[in-house]
Amino acid sequence: MKVKIIPIGNSQGIRIPKPLIEAAGLNASLELRVVESGLLLERVPAPRTGWAEAAQKIRERGEDGLLDDPVPTKFDESEWEWE
């Protein structure tokens, strides 16, 4: 599809037809970057996308433990009581 660059305030832009936006699954936030052949618009992934799956894989591999052994503090040794 050919589009023309149009003035938008002090900038320039293009109009993207709604069916293309819907087909691409785009929303209000996009990532725009320069690539060899021009410009590329991409969806911005939601924060923490994939974290649950990654945590599950770590757990399945048995790598979900603490990195260091716990070091007791003065509070742990003198003031803490399990009920």
C-alpha atoms as a PDB file:
ATOM      1  CA  MET A   1       0.000   0.000   0.000  1.00  0.00           C
ATOM      2  CA  LYS A   2       1.377   3.389  -0.951  1.00  0.00           C
ATOM      3  CA  VAL A   3       0.898   6.310   1.422  1.00  0.00           C
ATOM      4  CA  LYS A   4       1.989   9.932   1.293  1.00  0.00           C
ATOM      5  CA  ILE A   5       3.831  11.832   3.977  1.00  0.00           C
ATOM      6  CA  ILE A   6       1.593  14.646   5.197  1.00  0.00           C
ATOM      7  CA  PRO A   7       2.179  17.662   7.470  1.00  0.00           C
ATOM      8  CA  ILE A   8       0.979  17.187  11.052  1.00  0.00           C
ATOM      9  CA  GLY A   9       1.630  20.357  13.047  1.00  0.00           C
ATOM     10  CA  ASN A  10       5.380  21.007  12.989  1.00  0.00           C
ATOM     11  CA  SER A  11       6.069  17.366  12.069  1.00  0.00           C
ATOM     12  CA  GLN A  12       5.237  15.002   9.261  1.00  0.00           C
ATOM     13  CA  GLY A  13       3.449  11.688   9.344  1.00  0.00           C
ATOM     14  CA  ILE A  14       1.352   9.137   7.540  1.00  0.00           C
ATOM     15  CA  ARG A  15      -2.222   8.012   8.016  1.00  0.00           C
ATOM     16  CA  ILE A  16      -2.564   4.310   8.707  1.00  0.00           C
ATOM     17  CA  PRO A  17      -5.955   2.845   7.757  1.00  0.00           C
ATOM     18  CA  LYS A  18      -7.854   1.348  10.702  1.00  0.00           C
ATOM     19  CA  PRO A  19      -8.099  -2.144   9.117  1.00  0.00           C
ATOM     20  CA  LEU A  20      -4.278  -2.289   8.907  1.00  0.00           C
ATOM     21  CA  ILE A  21      -3.911  -1.206  12.538  1.00  0.00           C
ATOM     22  CA  GLU A  22      -6.386  -3.879  13.618  1.00  0.00           C
ATOM     23  CA  ALA A  23      -4.797  -6.571  11.425  1.00  0.00           C
ATOM     24  CA  ALA A  24      -1.361  -5.798  12.893  1.00  0.00           C
ATOM     25  CA  GLY A  25      -2.692  -5.745  16.471  1.00  0.00           C
ATOM     26  CA  LEU A  26      -1.303  -2.267  17.090  1.00  0.00           C
ATOM     27  CA  ASN A  27      -2.368  -0.057  19.993  1.00  0.00           C
ATOM     28  CA  ALA A  28      -1.514   3.445  21.228  1.00  0.00           C
ATOM     29  CA  SER A  29       2.154   2.688  22.023  1.00  0.00           C
ATOM     30  CA  LEU A  30       4.473   1.660  19.224  1.00  0.00           C
ATOM     31  CA  GLU A  31       8.185   1.179  18.853  1.00  0.00           C
ATOM     32  CA  LEU A  32       9.571   3.048  15.827  1.00  0.00           C
ATOM     33  CA  ARG A  33      13.062   2.428  14.524  1.00  0.00           C
ATOM     34  CA  VAL A  34      15.142   2.906  11.431  1.00  0.00           C
ATOM     35  CA  VAL A  35      16.042  -0.252   9.505  1.00  0.00           C
ATOM     36  CA  GLU A  36      18.035  -0.704   6.316  1.00  0.00           C
ATOM     37  CA  SER A  37      14.948  -0.507   4.110  1.00  0.00           C
ATOM     38  CA  GLY A  38      13.177   2.359   5.904  1.00  0.00           C
ATOM     39  CA  LEU A  39      11.143   2.627   9.111  1.00  0.00           C
ATOM     40  CA  LEU A  40       9.704  -0.207  11.178  1.00  0.00           C
ATOM     41  CA  LEU A  41       6.697   0.066  13.517  1.00  0.00           C
ATOM     42  CA  GLU A  42       6.331  -2.665  16.133  1.00  0.00           C
ATOM     43  CA  ARG A  43       3.991  -3.399  19.023  1.00  0.00           C
ATOM     44  CA  VAL A  44       5.417  -2.564  22.433  1.00  0.00           C
ATOM     45  CA  PRO A  45       5.185  -5.691  24.575  1.00  0.00           C
ATOM     46  CA  ALA A  46       3.369  -5.353  27.876  1.00  0.00           C
ATOM     47  CA  PRO A  47       5.708  -5.029  30.870  1.00  0.00           C
ATOM     48  CA  ARG A  48       6.820  -8.380  32.253  1.00  0.00           C
ATOM     49  CA  THR A  49       5.436 -10.302  29.282  1.00  0.00           C
ATOM     50  CA  GLY A  50       6.705 -13.859  29.508  1.00  0.00           C
ATOM     51  CA  TRP A  51       7.948 -13.613  33.098  1.00  0.00           C
ATOM     52  CA  ALA A  52       5.543 -16.288  34.398  1.00  0.00           C
ATOM     53  CA  GLU A  53       6.625 -18.746  31.705  1.00  0.00           C
ATOM     54  CA  ALA A  54      10.307 -18.008  32.335  1.00  0.00           C
ATOM     55  CA  ALA A  55       9.853 -18.509  36.097  1.00  0.00           C
ATOM     56  CA  GLN A  56       8.117 -21.833  35.465  1.00  0.00           C
ATOM     57  CA  LYS A  57      11.016 -23.034  33.286  1.00  0.00           C
ATOM     58  CA  ILE A  58      13.517 -22.009  35.975  1.00  0.00           C
ATOM     59  CA  ARG A  59      11.512 -23.922  38.559  1.00  0.00           C
ATOM     60  CA  GLU A  60      11.308 -27.025  36.341  1.00  0.00           C
ATOM     61  CA  ARG A  61      15.110 -26.972  36.004  1.00  0.00           C
ATOM     62  CA  GLY A  62      15.462 -26.723  39.794  1.00  0.00           C
ATOM     63  CA  GLU A  63      17.180 -23.339  39.562  1.00  0.00           C
ATOM     64  CA  ASP A  64      14.702 -21.394  41.681  1.00  0.00           C
ATOM     65  CA  GLY A  65      16.569 -21.557  44.983  1.00  0.00           C
ATOM     66  CA  LEU A  66      18.476 -18.832  46.763  1.00  0.00           C
ATOM     67  CA  LEU A  67      21.858 -17.885  45.310  1.00  0.00           C
ATOM     68  CA  ASP A  68      23.498 -17.672  48.748  1.00  0.00           C
ATOM     69  CA  ASP A  69      22.828 -19.479  52.013  1.00  0.00           C
ATOM     70  CA  PRO A  70      20.872 -17.343  54.490  1.00  0.00           C
ATOM     71  CA  VAL A  71      23.062 -15.569  57.065  1.00  0.00           C
ATOM     72  CA  PRO A  72      21.390 -15.194  60.456  1.00  0.00           C
ATOM     73  CA  THR A  73      21.324 -11.720  61.956  1.00  0.00           C
ATOM     74  CA  LYS A  74      21.372 -10.629  65.588  1.00  0.00           C
ATOM     75  CA  PHE A  75      17.575 -10.224  65.381  1.00  0.00           C
ATOM     76  CA  ASP A  76      17.191 -13.801  64.129  1.00  0.00           C
ATOM     77  CA  GLU A  77      19.332 -15.194  66.928  1.00  0.00           C
ATOM     78  CA  SER A  78      17.939 -13.246  69.880  1.00  0.00           C
ATOM     79  CA  GLU A  79      14.528 -11.704  69.178  1.00  0.00           C
ATOM     80  CA  TRP A  80      12.725 -13.993  66.758  1.00  0.00           C
ATOM     81  CA  GLU A  81      10.479 -16.789  67.999  1.00  0.00           C
ATOM     82  CA  TRP A  82       8.430 -19.248  65.958  1.00  0.00           C
ATOM     83  CA  GLU A  83       4.957 -19.772  67.267  1.00  0.00           C
END
